[in-house]
């Protein structure tokens, strides 16, 4: 499960747990991106802070782990170049890329989506307000509909962007991200959160 995790939140954790539970996965690897190519020009929290927050978010979940492969490799940090590295490192494993339906809808705009769907399956949790046009998606990325495993369960309309803006306005992040993450955000003076 890739992402910027700036900050990690309950939506990330629920998505990972839904995939782990419903697909009977041995482990979910949280893979923070080093330099997100789709977020060029945006201010992103230093990767050292994002790693600490992510570790605090998954602390105690024995089926969750962090993999820093993407952080330690040279750019560009794209999924299509990361997956072969993961396939080599985990040669005996079947791989799923865990995403929300908003990312699935955006898949045709990713770098080499046709390569991505040849290297893994997609575990997709619906996001509120996101409609998937399956015929259009299949036309844009032929074969994608055969490798999607739709997850079910509650959907959460939450994003790291919303959390950052909420914190910058001095609002509480309680119940939106784990308490240990909130404590770290306060200690590191991230997002101007002072509570």
N, C-alpha and C. Protein backbone atom coordinates (compact mmCIF):
# COMPACT_ATOMS: atom_id res chain seq x y z
N UNK A 1 0.86 -1.17 0.00
CA UNK A 1 0.00 0.00 0.00
C UNK A 1 0.90 1.22 0.00
N UNK A 2 0.93 1.91 -1.12
CA UNK A 2 1.77 3.09 -1.24
C UNK A 2 1.02 4.35 -0.85
N UNK A 3 1.77 5.38 -0.55
CA UNK A 3 1.15 6.66 -0.23
C UNK A 3 2.17 7.63 0.32
N UNK A 4 1.74 8.86 0.41
CA UNK A 4 2.60 9.89 1.01
C UNK A 4 2.51 9.80 2.53
N UNK A 5 1.35 9.46 3.05
CA UNK A 5 1.11 9.33 4.49
C UNK A 5 1.54 10.60 5.22
N UNK A 6 0.92 11.71 4.82
CA UNK A 6 1.32 13.03 5.31
C UNK A 6 0.11 13.79 5.85
N UNK A 7 -0.48 13.35 6.98
CA UNK A 7 -0.11 12.26 7.88
C UNK A 7 -0.91 10.98 7.57
N UNK A 8 -0.49 9.86 8.17
CA UNK A 8 -1.30 8.65 8.10
C UNK A 8 -2.56 8.85 8.95
N UNK A 9 -3.65 8.19 8.55
CA UNK A 9 -4.91 8.39 9.27
C UNK A 9 -5.73 7.10 9.29
N UNK A 10 -6.90 7.18 9.92
CA UNK A 10 -7.72 5.98 10.09
C UNK A 10 -8.20 5.42 8.76
N UNK A 11 -8.33 6.25 7.74
CA UNK A 11 -8.71 5.76 6.43
C UNK A 11 -7.67 4.82 5.85
N UNK A 12 -6.39 5.18 6.01
CA UNK A 12 -5.30 4.30 5.57
C UNK A 12 -5.36 2.96 6.32
N UNK A 13 -5.54 3.05 7.62
CA UNK A 13 -5.53 1.85 8.44
C UNK A 13 -6.72 0.95 8.11
N UNK A 14 -7.89 1.54 7.90
CA UNK A 14 -9.07 0.75 7.57
C UNK A 14 -8.92 0.10 6.20
N UNK A 15 -8.39 0.83 5.22
CA UNK A 15 -8.17 0.27 3.89
C UNK A 15 -7.24 -0.94 3.97
N UNK A 16 -6.15 -0.79 4.71
CA UNK A 16 -5.19 -1.90 4.86
C UNK A 16 -5.83 -3.09 5.56
N UNK A 17 -6.61 -2.84 6.60
CA UNK A 17 -7.25 -3.93 7.34
C UNK A 17 -8.33 -4.62 6.50
N UNK A 18 -9.09 -3.84 5.75
CA UNK A 18 -10.12 -4.43 4.89
C UNK A 18 -9.47 -5.37 3.88
N UNK A 19 -8.38 -4.95 3.26
CA UNK A 19 -7.68 -5.80 2.29
C UNK A 19 -7.09 -7.03 2.97
N UNK A 20 -6.44 -6.84 4.11
CA UNK A 20 -5.82 -7.96 4.83
C UNK A 20 -6.87 -9.01 5.19
N UNK A 21 -7.98 -8.55 5.72
CA UNK A 21 -9.03 -9.45 6.18
C UNK A 21 -9.74 -10.14 5.02
N UNK A 22 -10.20 -9.38 4.06
CA UNK A 22 -11.03 -9.94 3.00
C UNK A 22 -10.25 -10.76 1.98
N UNK A 23 -8.98 -10.44 1.76
CA UNK A 23 -8.16 -11.19 0.81
C UNK A 23 -7.26 -12.20 1.51
N UNK A 24 -7.37 -12.27 2.85
CA UNK A 24 -6.57 -13.19 3.67
C UNK A 24 -5.07 -13.03 3.39
N UNK A 25 -4.63 -11.77 3.42
CA UNK A 25 -3.22 -11.46 3.15
C UNK A 25 -2.36 -11.81 4.36
N UNK A 26 -1.17 -12.31 4.11
CA UNK A 26 -0.22 -12.59 5.19
C UNK A 26 0.28 -11.31 5.83
N UNK A 27 0.43 -10.27 5.01
CA UNK A 27 0.99 -9.02 5.53
C UNK A 27 0.63 -7.88 4.60
N UNK A 28 0.48 -6.69 5.17
CA UNK A 28 0.31 -5.48 4.39
C UNK A 28 1.55 -4.62 4.60
N UNK A 29 2.21 -4.29 3.51
CA UNK A 29 3.38 -3.41 3.57
C UNK A 29 2.95 -1.99 3.25
N UNK A 30 3.19 -1.09 4.18
CA UNK A 30 2.96 0.33 3.94
C UNK A 30 4.25 0.88 3.32
N UNK A 31 4.12 1.46 2.13
CA UNK A 31 5.30 1.90 1.38
C UNK A 31 5.24 3.40 1.12
N UNK A 32 5.84 4.19 2.02
CA UNK A 32 5.85 5.64 1.80
C UNK A 32 6.65 5.98 0.55
N UNK A 33 6.09 6.85 -0.26
CA UNK A 33 6.78 7.29 -1.47
C UNK A 33 7.81 8.34 -1.10
N UNK A 34 8.95 8.27 -1.75
CA UNK A 34 10.01 9.24 -1.48
C UNK A 34 9.65 10.61 -2.02
N UNK A 35 9.53 10.72 -3.34
CA UNK A 35 9.16 11.97 -4.00
C UNK A 35 7.97 11.68 -4.90
N UNK A 36 6.76 11.95 -4.44
CA UNK A 36 5.58 11.63 -5.24
C UNK A 36 5.56 12.41 -6.55
N UNK A 37 5.60 11.72 -7.69
CA UNK A 37 5.64 12.43 -8.97
C UNK A 37 4.37 13.22 -9.26
N UNK A 38 3.24 12.81 -8.69
CA UNK A 38 1.97 13.50 -8.93
C UNK A 38 1.76 14.69 -7.98
N UNK A 39 2.75 14.95 -7.12
CA UNK A 39 2.62 16.07 -6.17
C UNK A 39 3.78 17.05 -6.32
N UNK A 40 4.32 17.15 -7.54
CA UNK A 40 5.40 18.08 -7.80
C UNK A 40 4.91 19.51 -7.52
N UNK A 41 5.77 20.29 -6.89
CA UNK A 41 5.43 21.68 -6.60
C UNK A 41 4.66 21.87 -5.30
N UNK A 42 4.24 20.77 -4.67
CA UNK A 42 3.54 20.88 -3.39
C UNK A 42 4.53 20.65 -2.26
N UNK A 43 4.30 21.33 -1.15
CA UNK A 43 5.15 21.13 0.02
C UNK A 43 4.76 19.82 0.69
N UNK A 44 5.76 18.96 0.87
CA UNK A 44 5.53 17.66 1.49
C UNK A 44 6.41 17.56 2.73
N UNK A 45 5.84 17.04 3.80
CA UNK A 45 6.58 16.87 5.04
C UNK A 45 7.79 15.96 4.81
N UNK A 46 8.89 16.26 5.46
CA UNK A 46 10.11 15.46 5.30
C UNK A 46 9.81 13.99 5.53
N UNK A 47 10.45 13.15 4.75
CA UNK A 47 10.20 11.71 4.81
C UNK A 47 10.53 11.15 6.20
N UNK A 48 11.50 11.73 6.89
CA UNK A 48 11.84 11.25 8.23
C UNK A 48 10.63 11.38 9.17
N UNK A 49 9.90 12.49 9.08
CA UNK A 49 8.69 12.68 9.90
C UNK A 49 7.59 11.72 9.46
N UNK A 50 7.43 11.56 8.16
CA UNK A 50 6.36 10.68 7.66
C UNK A 50 6.60 9.24 8.08
N UNK A 51 7.84 8.80 8.09
CA UNK A 51 8.16 7.44 8.54
C UNK A 51 7.84 7.25 10.02
N UNK A 52 8.20 8.22 10.84
CA UNK A 52 7.93 8.11 12.27
C UNK A 52 6.42 8.07 12.52
N UNK A 53 5.67 8.96 11.84
CA UNK A 53 4.22 8.97 12.03
C UNK A 53 3.61 7.64 11.60
N UNK A 54 4.09 7.09 10.48
CA UNK A 54 3.56 5.82 10.00
C UNK A 54 3.87 4.68 10.97
N UNK A 55 5.09 4.68 11.52
CA UNK A 55 5.45 3.65 12.50
C UNK A 55 4.54 3.74 13.72
N UNK A 56 4.27 4.95 14.16
CA UNK A 56 3.38 5.14 15.31
C UNK A 56 1.95 4.71 14.97
N UNK A 57 1.52 4.93 13.73
CA UNK A 57 0.16 4.57 13.33
C UNK A 57 -0.05 3.07 13.31
N UNK A 58 0.95 2.30 12.89
CA UNK A 58 0.76 0.85 12.77
C UNK A 58 1.33 0.08 13.94
N UNK A 59 1.88 0.77 14.93
CA UNK A 59 2.48 0.12 16.08
C UNK A 59 1.49 -0.85 16.72
N UNK A 60 1.92 -2.08 16.91
CA UNK A 60 1.09 -3.08 17.55
C UNK A 60 0.28 -3.94 16.59
N UNK A 61 0.26 -3.59 15.31
CA UNK A 61 -0.47 -4.38 14.32
C UNK A 61 0.52 -5.36 13.69
N UNK A 62 0.47 -6.62 14.11
CA UNK A 62 1.50 -7.57 13.70
C UNK A 62 1.44 -7.94 12.22
N UNK A 63 0.33 -7.68 11.55
CA UNK A 63 0.22 -7.98 10.12
C UNK A 63 0.57 -6.78 9.25
N UNK A 64 0.91 -5.65 9.87
CA UNK A 64 1.29 -4.44 9.14
C UNK A 64 2.79 -4.19 9.34
N UNK A 65 3.45 -3.75 8.27
CA UNK A 65 4.87 -3.41 8.36
C UNK A 65 5.16 -2.26 7.39
N UNK A 66 6.28 -1.61 7.61
CA UNK A 66 6.72 -0.54 6.72
C UNK A 66 7.83 -1.07 5.84
N UNK A 67 7.77 -0.73 4.57
CA UNK A 67 8.83 -1.06 3.62
C UNK A 67 9.30 0.26 3.01
N UNK A 68 10.56 0.58 3.20
CA UNK A 68 11.11 1.87 2.76
C UNK A 68 11.81 1.79 1.40
N UNK A 69 11.54 0.75 0.64
CA UNK A 69 12.19 0.58 -0.66
C UNK A 69 12.05 1.81 -1.53
N UNK A 70 10.86 2.37 -1.61
CA UNK A 70 10.64 3.50 -2.51
C UNK A 70 11.41 4.74 -2.07
N UNK A 71 11.58 4.89 -0.77
CA UNK A 71 12.30 6.05 -0.25
C UNK A 71 13.78 6.00 -0.62
N UNK A 72 14.34 4.80 -0.59
CA UNK A 72 15.78 4.65 -0.75
C UNK A 72 16.24 4.43 -2.19
N UNK A 73 15.34 4.52 -3.15
CA UNK A 73 15.75 4.35 -4.54
C UNK A 73 15.71 5.70 -5.24
N UNK A 74 16.45 5.82 -6.34
CA UNK A 74 16.46 7.10 -7.05
C UNK A 74 15.12 7.37 -7.74
N UNK A 75 14.77 8.65 -7.92
CA UNK A 75 13.54 8.97 -8.65
C UNK A 75 13.69 8.59 -10.13
N UNK A 76 12.62 8.48 -10.88
CA UNK A 76 11.25 8.82 -10.49
C UNK A 76 10.61 7.71 -9.65
N UNK A 77 9.80 8.11 -8.70
CA UNK A 77 9.16 7.18 -7.78
C UNK A 77 7.77 6.83 -8.30
N UNK A 78 7.73 5.92 -9.26
CA UNK A 78 6.47 5.52 -9.86
C UNK A 78 6.18 4.06 -9.51
N UNK A 79 4.90 3.73 -9.51
CA UNK A 79 4.48 2.37 -9.17
C UNK A 79 5.01 1.37 -10.19
N UNK A 80 5.02 1.76 -11.47
CA UNK A 80 5.44 0.81 -12.50
C UNK A 80 6.92 0.45 -12.39
N UNK A 81 7.75 1.31 -11.79
CA UNK A 81 9.16 0.97 -11.59
C UNK A 81 9.40 0.34 -10.22
N UNK A 82 8.48 0.53 -9.29
CA UNK A 82 8.62 -0.06 -7.96
C UNK A 82 8.22 -1.54 -7.96
N UNK A 83 7.17 -1.88 -8.68
CA UNK A 83 6.66 -3.25 -8.63
C UNK A 83 7.68 -4.32 -9.04
N UNK A 84 8.51 -4.12 -10.07
CA UNK A 84 9.51 -5.14 -10.38
C UNK A 84 10.50 -5.36 -9.23
N UNK A 85 10.84 -4.30 -8.52
CA UNK A 85 11.74 -4.42 -7.37
C UNK A 85 11.07 -5.27 -6.28
N UNK A 86 9.79 -5.02 -6.05
CA UNK A 86 9.06 -5.78 -5.03
C UNK A 86 8.87 -7.24 -5.45
N UNK A 87 8.62 -7.45 -6.74
CA UNK A 87 8.48 -8.83 -7.22
C UNK A 87 9.77 -9.62 -7.02
N UNK A 88 10.89 -8.96 -7.25
CA UNK A 88 12.17 -9.63 -7.05
C UNK A 88 12.42 -9.92 -5.57
N UNK A 89 12.11 -8.95 -4.72
CA UNK A 89 12.35 -9.11 -3.28
C UNK A 89 11.39 -10.14 -2.66
N UNK A 90 10.19 -10.23 -3.21
CA UNK A 90 9.16 -11.12 -2.66
C UNK A 90 8.74 -12.13 -3.73
N UNK A 91 9.70 -12.82 -4.27
CA UNK A 91 9.47 -13.66 -5.46
C UNK A 91 8.44 -14.77 -5.23
N UNK A 92 8.24 -15.19 -4.00
CA UNK A 92 7.29 -16.26 -3.72
C UNK A 92 5.89 -15.74 -3.40
N UNK A 93 5.72 -14.43 -3.36
CA UNK A 93 4.46 -13.84 -2.92
C UNK A 93 3.59 -13.41 -4.10
N UNK A 94 2.28 -13.52 -3.92
CA UNK A 94 1.33 -12.89 -4.82
C UNK A 94 1.13 -11.47 -4.31
N UNK A 95 1.17 -10.50 -5.20
CA UNK A 95 1.11 -9.10 -4.79
C UNK A 95 -0.22 -8.45 -5.17
N UNK A 96 -0.73 -7.66 -4.24
CA UNK A 96 -1.87 -6.78 -4.49
C UNK A 96 -1.41 -5.36 -4.23
N UNK A 97 -1.86 -4.45 -5.05
CA UNK A 97 -1.69 -3.02 -4.80
C UNK A 97 -3.01 -2.57 -4.18
N UNK A 98 -2.96 -2.03 -2.97
CA UNK A 98 -4.16 -1.66 -2.22
C UNK A 98 -4.42 -0.17 -2.44
N UNK A 99 -5.60 0.14 -3.00
CA UNK A 99 -5.92 1.53 -3.34
C UNK A 99 -7.40 1.81 -3.08
N UNK A 100 -7.75 3.07 -3.08
CA UNK A 100 -9.15 3.48 -3.03
C UNK A 100 -9.69 3.60 -4.44
N UNK A 101 -11.02 3.63 -4.56
CA UNK A 101 -11.63 3.70 -5.88
C UNK A 101 -11.29 5.00 -6.61
N UNK A 102 -10.97 6.06 -5.87
CA UNK A 102 -10.53 7.30 -6.51
C UNK A 102 -9.23 7.08 -7.28
N UNK A 103 -8.33 6.28 -6.72
CA UNK A 103 -7.08 5.97 -7.42
C UNK A 103 -7.33 5.05 -8.61
N UNK A 104 -8.29 4.13 -8.47
CA UNK A 104 -8.61 3.26 -9.60
C UNK A 104 -9.13 4.08 -10.77
N UNK A 105 -10.02 5.02 -10.50
CA UNK A 105 -10.56 5.88 -11.56
C UNK A 105 -9.44 6.68 -12.23
N UNK A 106 -8.44 7.06 -11.45
CA UNK A 106 -7.32 7.85 -11.97
C UNK A 106 -6.23 6.99 -12.62
N UNK A 107 -6.33 5.67 -12.52
CA UNK A 107 -5.29 4.76 -13.02
C UNK A 107 -4.86 5.03 -14.46
N UNK A 108 -5.76 5.37 -15.39
CA UNK A 108 -5.31 5.64 -16.76
C UNK A 108 -4.29 6.77 -16.86
N UNK A 109 -4.22 7.63 -15.85
CA UNK A 109 -3.29 8.75 -15.87
C UNK A 109 -1.97 8.44 -15.17
N UNK A 110 -1.84 7.25 -14.58
CA UNK A 110 -0.60 6.84 -13.96
C UNK A 110 0.43 6.52 -15.05
N UNK A 111 1.69 6.46 -14.68
CA UNK A 111 2.74 6.08 -15.62
C UNK A 111 2.62 4.58 -15.91
N UNK A 112 2.47 4.23 -17.15
CA UNK A 112 2.40 2.85 -17.64
C UNK A 112 1.41 1.97 -16.85
N UNK A 113 0.14 2.34 -16.82
CA UNK A 113 -0.83 1.53 -16.08
C UNK A 113 -0.94 0.10 -16.61
N UNK A 114 -0.71 -0.07 -17.91
CA UNK A 114 -0.79 -1.41 -18.48
C UNK A 114 0.30 -2.32 -17.92
N UNK A 115 1.44 -1.75 -17.55
CA UNK A 115 2.51 -2.52 -16.93
C UNK A 115 2.14 -2.88 -15.49
N UNK A 116 1.54 -1.95 -14.79
CA UNK A 116 1.14 -2.18 -13.40
C UNK A 116 0.20 -3.37 -13.29
N UNK A 117 -0.81 -3.42 -14.16
CA UNK A 117 -1.82 -4.48 -14.03
C UNK A 117 -1.28 -5.85 -14.47
N UNK A 118 -0.12 -5.89 -15.07
CA UNK A 118 0.51 -7.16 -15.41
C UNK A 118 1.35 -7.69 -14.25
N UNK A 119 1.63 -6.84 -13.25
CA UNK A 119 2.55 -7.21 -12.18
C UNK A 119 1.87 -7.48 -10.84
N UNK A 120 0.59 -7.13 -10.72
CA UNK A 120 -0.11 -7.34 -9.45
C UNK A 120 -1.60 -7.28 -9.67
N UNK A 121 -2.34 -7.68 -8.65
CA UNK A 121 -3.78 -7.47 -8.63
C UNK A 121 -4.04 -6.15 -7.89
N UNK A 122 -5.23 -5.62 -8.04
CA UNK A 122 -5.61 -4.39 -7.36
C UNK A 122 -6.70 -4.69 -6.34
N UNK A 123 -6.47 -4.35 -5.09
CA UNK A 123 -7.47 -4.43 -4.04
C UNK A 123 -8.04 -3.03 -3.88
N UNK A 124 -9.33 -2.87 -4.13
CA UNK A 124 -9.92 -1.53 -4.22
C UNK A 124 -11.08 -1.38 -3.24
N UNK A 125 -10.99 -0.37 -2.39
CA UNK A 125 -12.08 -0.04 -1.47
C UNK A 125 -12.82 1.18 -2.03
N UNK A 126 -14.14 1.11 -2.15
CA UNK A 126 -14.89 2.28 -2.63
C UNK A 126 -14.65 3.50 -1.75
N UNK A 127 -14.65 4.67 -2.40
CA UNK A 127 -14.58 5.96 -1.69
C UNK A 127 -15.91 6.67 -1.89
N UNK A 128 -16.40 7.39 -0.89
CA UNK A 128 -17.67 8.09 -1.02
C UNK A 128 -17.66 9.04 -2.22
N UNK A 129 -18.73 8.99 -3.00
CA UNK A 129 -18.88 9.91 -4.12
C UNK A 129 -18.09 9.56 -5.37
N UNK A 130 -17.40 8.43 -5.37
CA UNK A 130 -16.60 8.04 -6.53
C UNK A 130 -17.32 6.94 -7.29
N UNK A 131 -17.69 7.22 -8.53
CA UNK A 131 -18.34 6.26 -9.40
C UNK A 131 -17.31 5.71 -10.38
N UNK A 132 -17.27 4.40 -10.53
CA UNK A 132 -16.34 3.78 -11.47
C UNK A 132 -17.08 3.48 -12.76
N UNK A 133 -16.61 4.06 -13.85
CA UNK A 133 -17.15 3.78 -15.17
C UNK A 133 -16.34 2.61 -15.72
N UNK A 134 -16.80 1.39 -15.46
CA UNK A 134 -16.04 0.20 -15.81
C UNK A 134 -15.73 0.08 -17.30
N UNK A 135 -16.70 0.32 -18.20
CA UNK A 135 -16.37 0.22 -19.63
C UNK A 135 -15.29 1.22 -20.05
N UNK A 136 -15.37 2.46 -19.54
CA UNK A 136 -14.36 3.46 -19.89
C UNK A 136 -13.00 3.09 -19.32
N UNK A 137 -13.00 2.57 -18.10
CA UNK A 137 -11.74 2.15 -17.47
C UNK A 137 -11.11 1.01 -18.25
N UNK A 138 -11.91 0.04 -18.66
CA UNK A 138 -11.41 -1.10 -19.42
C UNK A 138 -10.88 -0.66 -20.78
N UNK A 139 -11.53 0.31 -21.40
CA UNK A 139 -11.05 0.84 -22.68
C UNK A 139 -9.71 1.54 -22.51
N UNK A 140 -9.58 2.30 -21.43
CA UNK A 140 -8.34 3.05 -21.18
C UNK A 140 -7.19 2.15 -20.78
N UNK A 141 -7.49 1.11 -19.97
CA UNK A 141 -6.46 0.18 -19.49
C UNK A 141 -6.98 -1.24 -19.73
N UNK A 142 -6.81 -1.75 -20.94
CA UNK A 142 -7.36 -3.08 -21.26
C UNK A 142 -6.86 -4.17 -20.31
N UNK A 143 -7.82 -4.94 -19.78
CA UNK A 143 -7.49 -6.03 -18.87
C UNK A 143 -7.64 -5.67 -17.41
N UNK A 144 -7.85 -4.40 -17.10
CA UNK A 144 -7.88 -3.98 -15.70
C UNK A 144 -9.04 -4.62 -14.94
N UNK A 145 -10.19 -4.80 -15.58
CA UNK A 145 -11.34 -5.32 -14.85
C UNK A 145 -11.13 -6.76 -14.37
N UNK A 146 -10.21 -7.49 -15.00
CA UNK A 146 -9.96 -8.88 -14.61
C UNK A 146 -9.05 -9.01 -13.39
N UNK A 147 -8.37 -7.92 -13.01
CA UNK A 147 -7.41 -8.02 -11.91
C UNK A 147 -7.82 -7.19 -10.69
N UNK A 148 -9.06 -6.71 -10.68
CA UNK A 148 -9.55 -5.90 -9.56
C UNK A 148 -10.33 -6.78 -8.58
N UNK A 149 -9.98 -6.68 -7.32
CA UNK A 149 -10.74 -7.30 -6.24
C UNK A 149 -11.38 -6.16 -5.44
N UNK A 150 -12.70 -6.01 -5.57
CA UNK A 150 -13.39 -4.95 -4.84
C UNK A 150 -13.59 -5.39 -3.40
N UNK A 151 -13.24 -4.50 -2.48
CA UNK A 151 -13.43 -4.73 -1.06
C UNK A 151 -14.77 -4.14 -0.65
N UNK A 152 -15.30 -4.61 0.47
CA UNK A 152 -16.52 -3.99 0.96
C UNK A 152 -16.35 -3.56 2.41
N UNK A 153 -17.35 -2.85 2.89
CA UNK A 153 -17.29 -2.34 4.25
C UNK A 153 -17.51 -0.85 4.26
N UNK A 154 -17.48 -0.24 5.44
CA UNK A 154 -17.71 1.19 5.55
C UNK A 154 -16.70 1.99 4.72
N UNK A 155 -17.17 3.06 4.15
CA UNK A 155 -16.28 3.95 3.40
C UNK A 155 -16.08 5.23 4.21
N UNK A 156 -14.88 5.76 4.13
CA UNK A 156 -14.52 6.95 4.90
C UNK A 156 -14.11 8.06 3.96
N UNK A 157 -14.71 9.22 4.12
CA UNK A 157 -14.35 10.37 3.30
C UNK A 157 -13.32 11.20 4.07
N UNK A 158 -12.09 10.71 4.06
CA UNK A 158 -11.02 11.33 4.83
C UNK A 158 -9.75 11.29 3.99
N UNK A 159 -8.95 12.35 4.07
CA UNK A 159 -7.69 12.38 3.34
C UNK A 159 -6.65 13.11 4.16
N UNK A 160 -5.40 12.84 3.86
CA UNK A 160 -4.30 13.53 4.54
C UNK A 160 -4.36 15.03 4.28
N UNK A 161 -4.73 15.41 3.07
CA UNK A 161 -4.84 16.84 2.74
C UNK A 161 -5.85 17.51 3.66
N UNK A 162 -7.02 16.88 3.84
CA UNK A 162 -8.04 17.45 4.73
C UNK A 162 -7.52 17.54 6.16
N UNK A 163 -6.80 16.51 6.61
CA UNK A 163 -6.27 16.53 7.97
C UNK A 163 -5.26 17.65 8.16
N UNK A 164 -4.38 17.87 7.18
CA UNK A 164 -3.41 18.96 7.30
C UNK A 164 -4.11 20.30 7.41
N UNK A 165 -5.10 20.52 6.53
CA UNK A 165 -5.83 21.79 6.57
C UNK A 165 -6.60 21.95 7.88
N UNK A 166 -7.17 20.86 8.36
CA UNK A 166 -7.91 20.88 9.62
C UNK A 166 -6.98 21.26 10.77
N UNK A 167 -5.78 20.64 10.79
CA UNK A 167 -4.80 20.93 11.85
C UNK A 167 -4.32 22.37 11.75
N UNK A 168 -4.09 22.85 10.53
CA UNK A 168 -3.62 24.23 10.35
C UNK A 168 -4.63 25.25 10.84
N UNK A 169 -5.91 24.85 10.86
CA UNK A 169 -6.95 25.73 11.37
C UNK A 169 -7.10 25.61 12.88
N UNK A 170 -6.24 24.81 13.50
CA UNK A 170 -6.28 24.65 14.95
C UNK A 170 -7.31 23.65 15.43
N UNK A 171 -7.82 22.81 14.52
CA UNK A 171 -8.84 21.85 14.88
C UNK A 171 -8.23 20.56 15.40
N UNK A 172 -9.00 19.83 16.17
CA UNK A 172 -8.56 18.57 16.76
C UNK A 172 -8.50 17.47 15.72
N UNK A 173 -7.49 16.61 15.81
CA UNK A 173 -7.37 15.43 14.96
C UNK A 173 -7.76 14.15 15.69
N UNK A 174 -8.28 14.32 16.91
CA UNK A 174 -8.67 13.17 17.71
C UNK A 174 -9.68 12.31 16.95
N UNK A 175 -9.43 11.00 16.93
CA UNK A 175 -10.21 9.96 16.25
C UNK A 175 -10.03 9.95 14.74
N UNK A 176 -9.28 10.89 14.18
CA UNK A 176 -9.01 10.89 12.74
C UNK A 176 -7.69 10.21 12.43
N UNK A 177 -6.79 10.22 13.40
CA UNK A 177 -5.50 9.54 13.29
C UNK A 177 -5.16 9.03 14.70
N UNK A 178 -4.35 7.99 14.81
CA UNK A 178 -4.04 7.47 16.15
C UNK A 178 -3.45 8.53 17.08
N UNK A 179 -3.72 8.36 18.37
CA UNK A 179 -3.25 9.31 19.38
C UNK A 179 -1.74 9.49 19.33
N UNK A 180 -0.99 8.42 19.11
CA UNK A 180 0.47 8.52 19.05
C UNK A 180 0.93 9.39 17.89
N UNK A 181 0.17 9.38 16.79
CA UNK A 181 0.51 10.24 15.65
C UNK A 181 0.23 11.69 16.00
N UNK A 182 -0.90 11.96 16.66
CA UNK A 182 -1.23 13.33 17.07
C UNK A 182 -0.15 13.87 18.01
N UNK A 183 0.27 13.04 18.97
CA UNK A 183 1.31 13.47 19.92
C UNK A 183 2.58 13.83 19.17
N UNK A 184 2.96 13.00 18.19
CA UNK A 184 4.18 13.29 17.42
C UNK A 184 4.02 14.57 16.60
N UNK A 185 2.85 14.76 15.99
CA UNK A 185 2.61 15.98 15.21
C UNK A 185 2.80 17.21 16.10
N UNK A 186 2.28 17.13 17.31
CA UNK A 186 2.42 18.25 18.25
C UNK A 186 3.88 18.45 18.66
N UNK A 187 4.57 17.37 18.99
CA UNK A 187 5.96 17.46 19.43
C UNK A 187 6.87 17.99 18.33
N UNK A 188 6.60 17.58 17.09
CA UNK A 188 7.45 18.00 15.97
C UNK A 188 6.97 19.31 15.34
N UNK A 189 5.89 19.87 15.89
CA UNK A 189 5.32 21.12 15.39
C UNK A 189 4.98 21.04 13.91
N UNK A 190 4.34 19.94 13.52
CA UNK A 190 3.93 19.76 12.13
C UNK A 190 2.53 20.32 11.92
N UNK A 191 2.27 20.83 10.75
CA UNK A 191 0.95 21.31 10.33
C UNK A 191 0.41 22.41 11.25
N UNK A 192 1.28 23.06 11.99
CA UNK A 192 0.87 24.13 12.90
C UNK A 192 -0.14 23.67 13.95
N UNK A 193 -0.11 22.37 14.27
CA UNK A 193 -1.04 21.84 15.28
C UNK A 193 -0.48 22.13 16.66
N UNK A 194 -1.24 22.85 17.48
CA UNK A 194 -0.78 23.24 18.80
C UNK A 194 -1.59 22.62 19.92
N UNK A 195 -2.53 21.76 19.62
CA UNK A 195 -3.36 21.16 20.66
C UNK A 195 -2.82 19.81 21.03
